[in-house]
Amino acid sequence: MKPRTKPYTAIGIRRVPCVRCGAKGYASWHVCADNNRMRVLCAGCDVALNEMVMRWAWGDGREADLTAYRTKVEAEL
């Protein structure tokens, strides 16, 4: 299968399982080191990835933002 480099639609995301755990897709992402291939994440993996990157970039100074994002994602499920 050819690697996907174009963004998924909202409907398309829900049709593809999470690249990490296989759960229902929630969000897509890409990273330069992965040749900008679009990957789908479930809600839990999306929150975990955001938490990891936010803490890497800003330390613990953005906990309120992380809590707000987690709450937003949970409300959408």
PDB file of N, CA and C in Angstrom:
ATOM      1  N   MET A   1       0.834  -1.176   0.000  1.00  0.00           N
ATOM      2  CA  MET A   1       0.000   0.000   0.000  1.00  0.00           C
ATOM      3  C   MET A   1       0.883   1.245   0.000  1.00  0.00           C
ATOM      4  N   LYS A   2       0.530   2.214  -0.790  1.00  0.00           N
ATOM      5  CA  LYS A   2       1.281   3.469  -0.888  1.00  0.00           C
ATOM      6  C   LYS A   2       1.104   4.289   0.400  1.00  0.00           C
ATOM      7  N   PRO A   3       2.191   4.838   0.965  1.00  0.00           N
ATOM      8  CA  PRO A   3       2.069   5.660   2.175  1.00  0.00           C
ATOM      9  C   PRO A   3       1.189   6.881   1.924  1.00  0.00           C
ATOM     10  N   ARG A   4       0.372   7.214   2.897  1.00  0.00           N
ATOM     11  CA  ARG A   4      -0.527   8.361   2.758  1.00  0.00           C
ATOM     12  C   ARG A   4       0.200   9.628   3.172  1.00  0.00           C
ATOM     13  N   THR A   5       0.176  10.620   2.302  1.00  0.00           N
ATOM     14  CA  THR A   5       0.814  11.898   2.615  1.00  0.00           C
ATOM     15  C   THR A   5      -0.185  13.049   2.635  1.00  0.00           C
ATOM     16  N   LYS A   6      -1.420  12.797   2.202  1.00  0.00           N
ATOM     17  CA  LYS A   6      -2.467  13.822   2.251  1.00  0.00           C
ATOM     18  C   LYS A   6      -3.272  13.647   3.535  1.00  0.00           C
ATOM     19  N   PRO A   7      -3.756  14.736   4.110  1.00  0.00           N
ATOM     20  CA  PRO A   7      -4.545  14.634   5.341  1.00  0.00           C
ATOM     21  C   PRO A   7      -5.806  13.783   5.142  1.00  0.00           C
ATOM     22  N   TYR A   8      -6.183  13.085   6.198  1.00  0.00           N
ATOM     23  CA  TYR A   8      -7.432  12.341   6.198  1.00  0.00           C
ATOM     24  C   TYR A   8      -8.594  13.303   6.394  1.00  0.00           C
ATOM     25  N   THR A   9      -9.748  12.949   5.871  1.00  0.00           N
ATOM     26  CA  THR A   9     -10.971  13.693   6.184  1.00  0.00           C
ATOM     27  C   THR A   9     -11.450  13.240   7.554  1.00  0.00           C
ATOM     28  N   ALA A  10     -12.403  13.951   8.127  1.00  0.00           N
ATOM     29  CA  ALA A  10     -12.957  13.552   9.425  1.00  0.00           C
ATOM     30  C   ALA A  10     -13.575  12.161   9.343  1.00  0.00           C
ATOM     31  N   ILE A  11     -14.247  11.874   8.249  1.00  0.00           N
ATOM     32  CA  ILE A  11     -14.847  10.541   8.070  1.00  0.00           C
ATOM     33  C   ILE A  11     -13.751   9.501   7.889  1.00  0.00           C
ATOM     34  N   GLY A  12     -12.730   9.829   7.113  1.00  0.00           N
ATOM     35  CA  GLY A  12     -11.638   8.903   6.867  1.00  0.00           C
ATOM     36  C   GLY A  12     -10.899   8.510   8.133  1.00  0.00           C
ATOM     37  N   ILE A  13     -10.693   9.457   9.034  1.00  0.00           N
ATOM     38  CA  ILE A  13     -10.007   9.171  10.294  1.00  0.00           C
ATOM     39  C   ILE A  13     -10.746   8.087  11.066  1.00  0.00           C
ATOM     40  N   ARG A  14     -12.062   8.177  11.110  1.00  0.00           N
ATOM     41  CA  ARG A  14     -12.858   7.199  11.873  1.00  0.00           C
ATOM     42  C   ARG A  14     -12.824   5.814  11.239  1.00  0.00           C
ATOM     43  N   ARG A  15     -12.444   5.721   9.975  1.00  0.00           N
ATOM     44  CA  ARG A  15     -12.405   4.433   9.279  1.00  0.00           C
ATOM     45  C   ARG A  15     -11.073   3.703   9.433  1.00  0.00           C
ATOM     46  N   VAL A  16     -10.058   4.407   9.940  1.00  0.00           N
ATOM     47  CA  VAL A  16      -8.718   3.835  10.044  1.00  0.00           C
ATOM     48  C   VAL A  16      -8.404   3.603  11.522  1.00  0.00           C
ATOM     49  N   PRO A  17      -7.859   2.434  11.868  1.00  0.00           N
ATOM     50  CA  PRO A  17      -7.515   2.185  13.273  1.00  0.00           C
ATOM     51  C   PRO A  17      -6.258   2.956  13.700  1.00  0.00           C
ATOM     52  N   CYS A  18      -6.125   3.144  14.980  1.00  0.00           N
ATOM     53  CA  CYS A  18      -4.964   3.816  15.567  1.00  0.00           C
ATOM     54  C   CYS A  18      -3.690   3.062  15.192  1.00  0.00           C
ATOM     55  N   VAL A  19      -2.691   3.787  14.754  1.00  0.00           N
ATOM     56  CA  VAL A  19      -1.423   3.193  14.350  1.00  0.00           C
ATOM     57  C   VAL A  19      -0.701   2.563  15.538  1.00  0.00           C
ATOM     58  N   ARG A  20      -0.968   3.029  16.735  1.00  0.00           N
ATOM     59  CA  ARG A  20      -0.261   2.539  17.922  1.00  0.00           C
ATOM     60  C   ARG A  20      -0.966   1.358  18.582  1.00  0.00           C
ATOM     61  N   CYS A  21      -2.299   1.458  18.773  1.00  0.00           N
ATOM     62  CA  CYS A  21      -2.979   0.412  19.545  1.00  0.00           C
ATOM     63  C   CYS A  21      -4.108  -0.280  18.796  1.00  0.00           C
ATOM     64  N   GLY A  22      -4.504   0.240  17.645  1.00  0.00           N
ATOM     65  CA  GLY A  22      -5.557  -0.393  16.857  1.00  0.00           C
ATOM     66  C   GLY A  22      -6.980   0.023  17.207  1.00  0.00           C
ATOM     67  N   ALA A  23      -7.140   0.916  18.187  1.00  0.00           N
ATOM     68  CA  ALA A  23      -8.481   1.381  18.569  1.00  0.00           C
ATOM     69  C   ALA A  23      -9.047   2.304  17.479  1.00  0.00           C
ATOM     70  N   LYS A  24     -10.287   2.706  17.646  1.00  0.00           N
ATOM     71  CA  LYS A  24     -10.972   3.570  16.681  1.00  0.00           C
ATOM     72  C   LYS A  24     -10.229   4.893  16.497  1.00  0.00           C
ATOM     73  N   GLY A  25     -10.028   5.299  15.242  1.00  0.00           N
ATOM     74  CA  GLY A  25      -9.318   6.529  14.940  1.00  0.00           C
ATOM     75  C   GLY A  25     -10.038   7.764  15.444  1.00  0.00           C
ATOM     76  N   TYR A  26      -9.253   8.748  15.890  1.00  0.00           N
ATOM     77  CA  TYR A  26      -9.797  10.004  16.404  1.00  0.00           C
ATOM     78  C   TYR A  26      -9.125  11.212  15.753  1.00  0.00           C
ATOM     79  N   ALA A  27      -7.813  11.152  15.552  1.00  0.00           N
ATOM     80  CA  ALA A  27      -7.057  12.285  15.024  1.00  0.00           C
ATOM     81  C   ALA A  27      -5.940  11.763  14.119  1.00  0.00           C
ATOM     82  N   SER A  28      -5.432  12.635  13.267  1.00  0.00           N
ATOM     83  CA  SER A  28      -4.296  12.249  12.431  1.00  0.00           C
ATOM     84  C   SER A  28      -3.111  13.145  12.734  1.00  0.00           C
ATOM     85  N   TRP A  29      -1.935  12.673  12.430  1.00  0.00           N
ATOM     86  CA  TRP A  29      -0.725  13.439  12.654  1.00  0.00           C
ATOM     87  C   TRP A  29       0.343  12.960  11.687  1.00  0.00           C
ATOM     88  N   HIS A  30       1.387  13.754  11.561  1.00  0.00           N
ATOM     89  CA  HIS A  30       2.552  13.344  10.781  1.00  0.00           C
ATOM     90  C   HIS A  30       3.784  13.991  11.380  1.00  0.00           C
ATOM     91  N   VAL A  31       4.918  13.394  11.087  1.00  0.00           N
ATOM     92  CA  VAL A  31       6.178  13.905  11.609  1.00  0.00           C
ATOM     93  C   VAL A  31       7.228  13.808  10.494  1.00  0.00           C
ATOM     94  N   CYS A  32       8.084  14.773  10.423  1.00  0.00           N
ATOM     95  CA  CYS A  32       9.078  14.845   9.343  1.00  0.00           C
ATOM     96  C   CYS A  32       9.934  13.581   9.266  1.00  0.00           C
ATOM     97  N   ALA A  33      10.364  13.052  10.396  1.00  0.00           N
ATOM     98  CA  ALA A  33      11.245  11.887  10.409  1.00  0.00           C
ATOM     99  C   ALA A  33      10.560  10.625   9.884  1.00  0.00           C
ATOM    100  N   ASP A  34       9.258  10.664   9.735  1.00  0.00           N
ATOM    101  CA  ASP A  34       8.482   9.542   9.203  1.00  0.00           C
ATOM    102  C   ASP A  34       8.074   9.844   7.759  1.00  0.00           C
ATOM    103  N   ASN A  35       8.858  10.668   7.085  1.00  0.00           N
ATOM    104  CA  ASN A  35       8.584  11.068   5.701  1.00  0.00           C
ATOM    105  C   ASN A  35       7.217  11.716   5.536  1.00  0.00           C
ATOM    106  N   ASN A  36       6.755  12.400   6.578  1.00  0.00           N
ATOM    107  CA  ASN A  36       5.476  13.112   6.563  1.00  0.00           C
ATOM    108  C   ASN A  36       4.283  12.221   6.224  1.00  0.00           C
ATOM    109  N   ARG A  37       4.381  10.954   6.532  1.00  0.00           N
ATOM    110  CA  ARG A  37       3.240  10.053   6.320  1.00  0.00           C
ATOM    111  C   ARG A  37       2.158  10.369   7.340  1.00  0.00           C
ATOM    112  N   MET A  38       0.938  10.417   6.879  1.00  0.00           N
ATOM    113  CA  MET A  38      -0.192  10.674   7.773  1.00  0.00           C
ATOM    114  C   MET A  38      -0.475   9.400   8.567  1.00  0.00           C
ATOM    115  N   ARG A  39      -0.641   9.535   9.856  1.00  0.00           N
ATOM    116  CA  ARG A  39      -0.938   8.418  10.756  1.00  0.00           C
ATOM    117  C   ARG A  39      -2.194   8.755  11.547  1.00  0.00           C
ATOM    118  N   VAL A  40      -2.968   7.758  11.878  1.00  0.00           N
ATOM    119  CA  VAL A  40      -4.191   7.949  12.657  1.00  0.00           C
ATOM    120  C   VAL A  40      -3.948   7.482  14.085  1.00  0.00           C
ATOM    121  N   LEU A  41      -4.460   8.248  15.045  1.00  0.00           N
ATOM    122  CA  LEU A  41      -4.374   7.913  16.464  1.00  0.00           C
ATOM    123  C   LEU A  41      -5.773   7.847  17.056  1.00  0.00           C
ATOM    124  N   CYS A  42      -5.965   6.995  18.052  1.00  0.00           N
ATOM    125  CA  CYS A  42      -7.222   6.997  18.805  1.00  0.00           C
ATOM    126  C   CYS A  42      -7.174   8.165  19.784  1.00  0.00           C
ATOM    127  N   ALA A  43      -8.266   8.426  20.467  1.00  0.00           N
ATOM    128  CA  ALA A  43      -8.328   9.556  21.398  1.00  0.00           C
ATOM    129  C   ALA A  43      -7.303   9.420  22.516  1.00  0.00           C
ATOM    130  N   GLY A  44      -7.175   8.238  23.081  1.00  0.00           N
ATOM    131  CA  GLY A  44      -6.225   8.036  24.178  1.00  0.00           C
ATOM    132  C   GLY A  44      -4.785   8.251  23.761  1.00  0.00           C
ATOM    133  N   CYS A  45      -4.407   7.727  22.610  1.00  0.00           N
ATOM    134  CA  CYS A  45      -3.034   7.900  22.113  1.00  0.00           C
ATOM    135  C   CYS A  45      -2.785   9.344  21.693  1.00  0.00           C
ATOM    136  N   ASP A  46      -3.801  10.014  21.167  1.00  0.00           N
ATOM    137  CA  ASP A  46      -3.669  11.423  20.806  1.00  0.00           C
ATOM    138  C   ASP A  46      -3.389  12.269  22.041  1.00  0.00           C
ATOM    139  N   VAL A  47      -4.134  12.041  23.108  1.00  0.00           N
ATOM    140  CA  VAL A  47      -3.922  12.785  24.357  1.00  0.00           C
ATOM    141  C   VAL A  47      -2.532  12.478  24.908  1.00  0.00           C
ATOM    142  N   ALA A  48      -2.145  11.206  24.904  1.00  0.00           N
ATOM    143  CA  ALA A  48      -0.832  10.825  25.432  1.00  0.00           C
ATOM    144  C   ALA A  48       0.300  11.466  24.625  1.00  0.00           C
ATOM    145  N   LEU A  49       0.173  11.485  23.298  1.00  0.00           N
ATOM    146  CA  LEU A  49       1.199  12.096  22.458  1.00  0.00           C
ATOM    147  C   LEU A  49       1.284  13.603  22.710  1.00  0.00           C
ATOM    148  N   ASN A  50       0.129  14.253  22.808  1.00  0.00           N
ATOM    149  CA  ASN A  50       0.122  15.688  23.094  1.00  0.00           C
ATOM    150  C   ASN A  50       0.759  15.983  24.450  1.00  0.00           C
ATOM    151  N   GLU A  51       0.450  15.167  25.452  1.00  0.00           N
ATOM    152  CA  GLU A  51       1.041  15.369  26.771  1.00  0.00           C
ATOM    153  C   GLU A  51       2.558  15.208  26.720  1.00  0.00           C
ATOM    154  N   MET A  52       3.030  14.178  26.029  1.00  0.00           N
ATOM    155  CA  MET A  52       4.459  13.927  25.944  1.00  0.00           C
ATOM    156  C   MET A  52       5.185  15.094  25.257  1.00  0.00           C
ATOM    157  N   VAL A  53       4.640  15.548  24.139  1.00  0.00           N
ATOM    158  CA  VAL A  53       5.294  16.620  23.389  1.00  0.00           C
ATOM    159  C   VAL A  53       5.223  17.947  24.146  1.00  0.00           C
ATOM    160  N   MET A  54       4.076  18.247  24.734  1.00  0.00           N
ATOM    161  CA  MET A  54       3.957  19.501  25.486  1.00  0.00           C
ATOM    162  C   MET A  54       4.934  19.521  26.663  1.00  0.00           C
ATOM    163  N   ARG A  55       5.080  18.406  27.362  1.00  0.00           N
ATOM    164  CA  ARG A  55       6.013  18.366  28.494  1.00  0.00           C
ATOM    165  C   ARG A  55       7.457  18.436  28.011  1.00  0.00           C
ATOM    166  N   TRP A  56       7.739  17.827  26.871  1.00  0.00           N
ATOM    167  CA  TRP A  56       9.084  17.904  26.307  1.00  0.00           C
ATOM    168  C   TRP A  56       9.422  19.356  25.957  1.00  0.00           C
ATOM    169  N   ALA A  57       8.496  20.045  25.343  1.00  0.00           N
ATOM    170  CA  ALA A  57       8.748  21.409  24.871  1.00  0.00           C
ATOM    171  C   ALA A  57       8.681  22.452  25.981  1.00  0.00           C
ATOM    172  N   TRP A  58       7.734  22.307  26.900  1.00  0.00           N
ATOM    173  CA  TRP A  58       7.507  23.367  27.894  1.00  0.00           C
ATOM    174  C   TRP A  58       7.589  22.902  29.342  1.00  0.00           C
ATOM    175  N   GLY A  59       7.995  21.707  29.592  1.00  0.00           N
ATOM    176  CA  GLY A  59       8.055  21.213  30.966  1.00  0.00           C
ATOM    177  C   GLY A  59       6.654  21.100  31.546  1.00  0.00           C
ATOM    178  N   ASP A  60       6.548  21.321  32.828  1.00  0.00           N
ATOM    179  CA  ASP A  60       5.251  21.186  33.497  1.00  0.00           C
ATOM    180  C   ASP A  60       4.476  22.499  33.556  1.00  0.00           C
ATOM    181  N   GLY A  61       4.932  23.510  32.844  1.00  0.00           N
ATOM    182  CA  GLY A  61       4.290  24.818  32.898  1.00  0.00           C
ATOM    183  C   GLY A  61       2.990  24.917  32.129  1.00  0.00           C
ATOM    184  N   ARG A  62       2.580  23.881  31.444  1.00  0.00           N
ATOM    185  CA  ARG A  62       1.364  23.951  30.615  1.00  0.00           C
ATOM    186  C   ARG A  62       0.324  22.922  31.063  1.00  0.00           C
ATOM    187  N   GLU A  63       0.337  22.544  32.322  1.00  0.00           N
ATOM    188  CA  GLU A  63      -0.592  21.533  32.827  1.00  0.00           C
ATOM    189  C   GLU A  63      -2.053  21.933  32.623  1.00  0.00           C
ATOM    190  N   ALA A  64      -2.366  23.216  32.767  1.00  0.00           N
ATOM    191  CA  ALA A  64      -3.749  23.664  32.570  1.00  0.00           C
ATOM    192  C   ALA A  64      -4.189  23.425  31.122  1.00  0.00           C
ATOM    193  N   ASP A  65      -3.290  23.658  30.179  1.00  0.00           N
ATOM    194  CA  ASP A  65      -3.608  23.411  28.768  1.00  0.00           C
ATOM    195  C   ASP A  65      -3.822  21.923  28.516  1.00  0.00           C
ATOM    196  N   LEU A  66      -2.996  21.091  29.128  1.00  0.00           N
ATOM    197  CA  LEU A  66      -3.136  19.642  28.956  1.00  0.00           C
ATOM    198  C   LEU A  66      -4.456  19.150  29.538  1.00  0.00           C
ATOM    199  N   THR A  67      -4.813  19.653  30.695  1.00  0.00           N
ATOM    200  CA  THR A  67      -6.082  19.265  31.317  1.00  0.00           C
ATOM    201  C   THR A  67      -7.253  19.706  30.450  1.00  0.00           C
ATOM    202  N   ALA A  68      -7.189  20.916  29.930  1.00  0.00           N
ATOM    203  CA  ALA A  68      -8.259  21.419  29.066  1.00  0.00           C
ATOM    204  C   ALA A  68      -8.384  20.575  27.798  1.00  0.00           C
ATOM    205  N   TYR A  69      -7.263  20.175  27.204  1.00  0.00           N
ATOM    206  CA  TYR A  69      -7.309  19.355  25.987  1.00  0.00           C
ATOM    207  C   TYR A  69      -7.885  17.981  26.288  1.00  0.00           C
ATOM    208  N   ARG A  70      -7.433  17.372  27.380  1.00  0.00           N
ATOM    209  CA  ARG A  70      -7.955  16.055  27.774  1.00  0.00           C
ATOM    210  C   ARG A  70      -9.464  16.123  27.985  1.00  0.00           C
ATOM    211  N   THR A  71      -9.949  17.164  28.653  1.00  0.00           N
ATOM    212  CA  THR A  71     -11.374  17.347  28.906  1.00  0.00           C
ATOM    213  C   THR A  71     -12.133  17.511  27.597  1.00  0.00           C
ATOM    214  N   LYS A  72     -11.588  18.291  26.660  1.00  0.00           N
ATOM    215  CA  LYS A  72     -12.213  18.510  25.351  1.00  0.00           C
ATOM    216  C   LYS A  72     -12.343  17.191  24.596  1.00  0.00           C
ATOM    217  N   VAL A  73     -11.281  16.407  24.566  1.00  0.00           N
ATOM    218  CA  VAL A  73     -11.314  15.127  23.841  1.00  0.00           C
ATOM    219  C   VAL A  73     -12.324  14.183  24.473  1.00  0.00           C
ATOM    220  N   GLU A  74     -12.320  14.082  25.785  1.00  0.00           N
ATOM    221  CA  GLU A  74     -13.264  13.197  26.477  1.00  0.00           C
ATOM    222  C   GLU A  74     -14.704  13.610  26.195  1.00  0.00           C
ATOM    223  N   ALA A  75     -14.970  14.911  26.104  1.00  0.00           N
ATOM    224  CA  ALA A  75     -16.331  15.397  25.841  1.00  0.00           C
ATOM    225  C   ALA A  75     -16.793  15.045  24.434  1.00  0.00           C
ATOM    226  N   GLU A  76     -15.854  14.914  23.507  1.00  0.00           N
ATOM    227  CA  GLU A  76     -16.202  14.603  22.122  1.00  0.00           C
ATOM    228  C   GLU A  76     -16.478  13.123  21.884  1.00  0.00           C
ATOM    229  N   LEU A  77     -16.107  12.281  22.822  1.00  0.00           N
ATOM    230  CA  LEU A  77     -16.298  10.830  22.641  1.00  0.00           C
ATOM    231  C   LEU A  77     -17.707  10.393  22.944  1.00  0.00           C
TER     232      LEU A  77
END
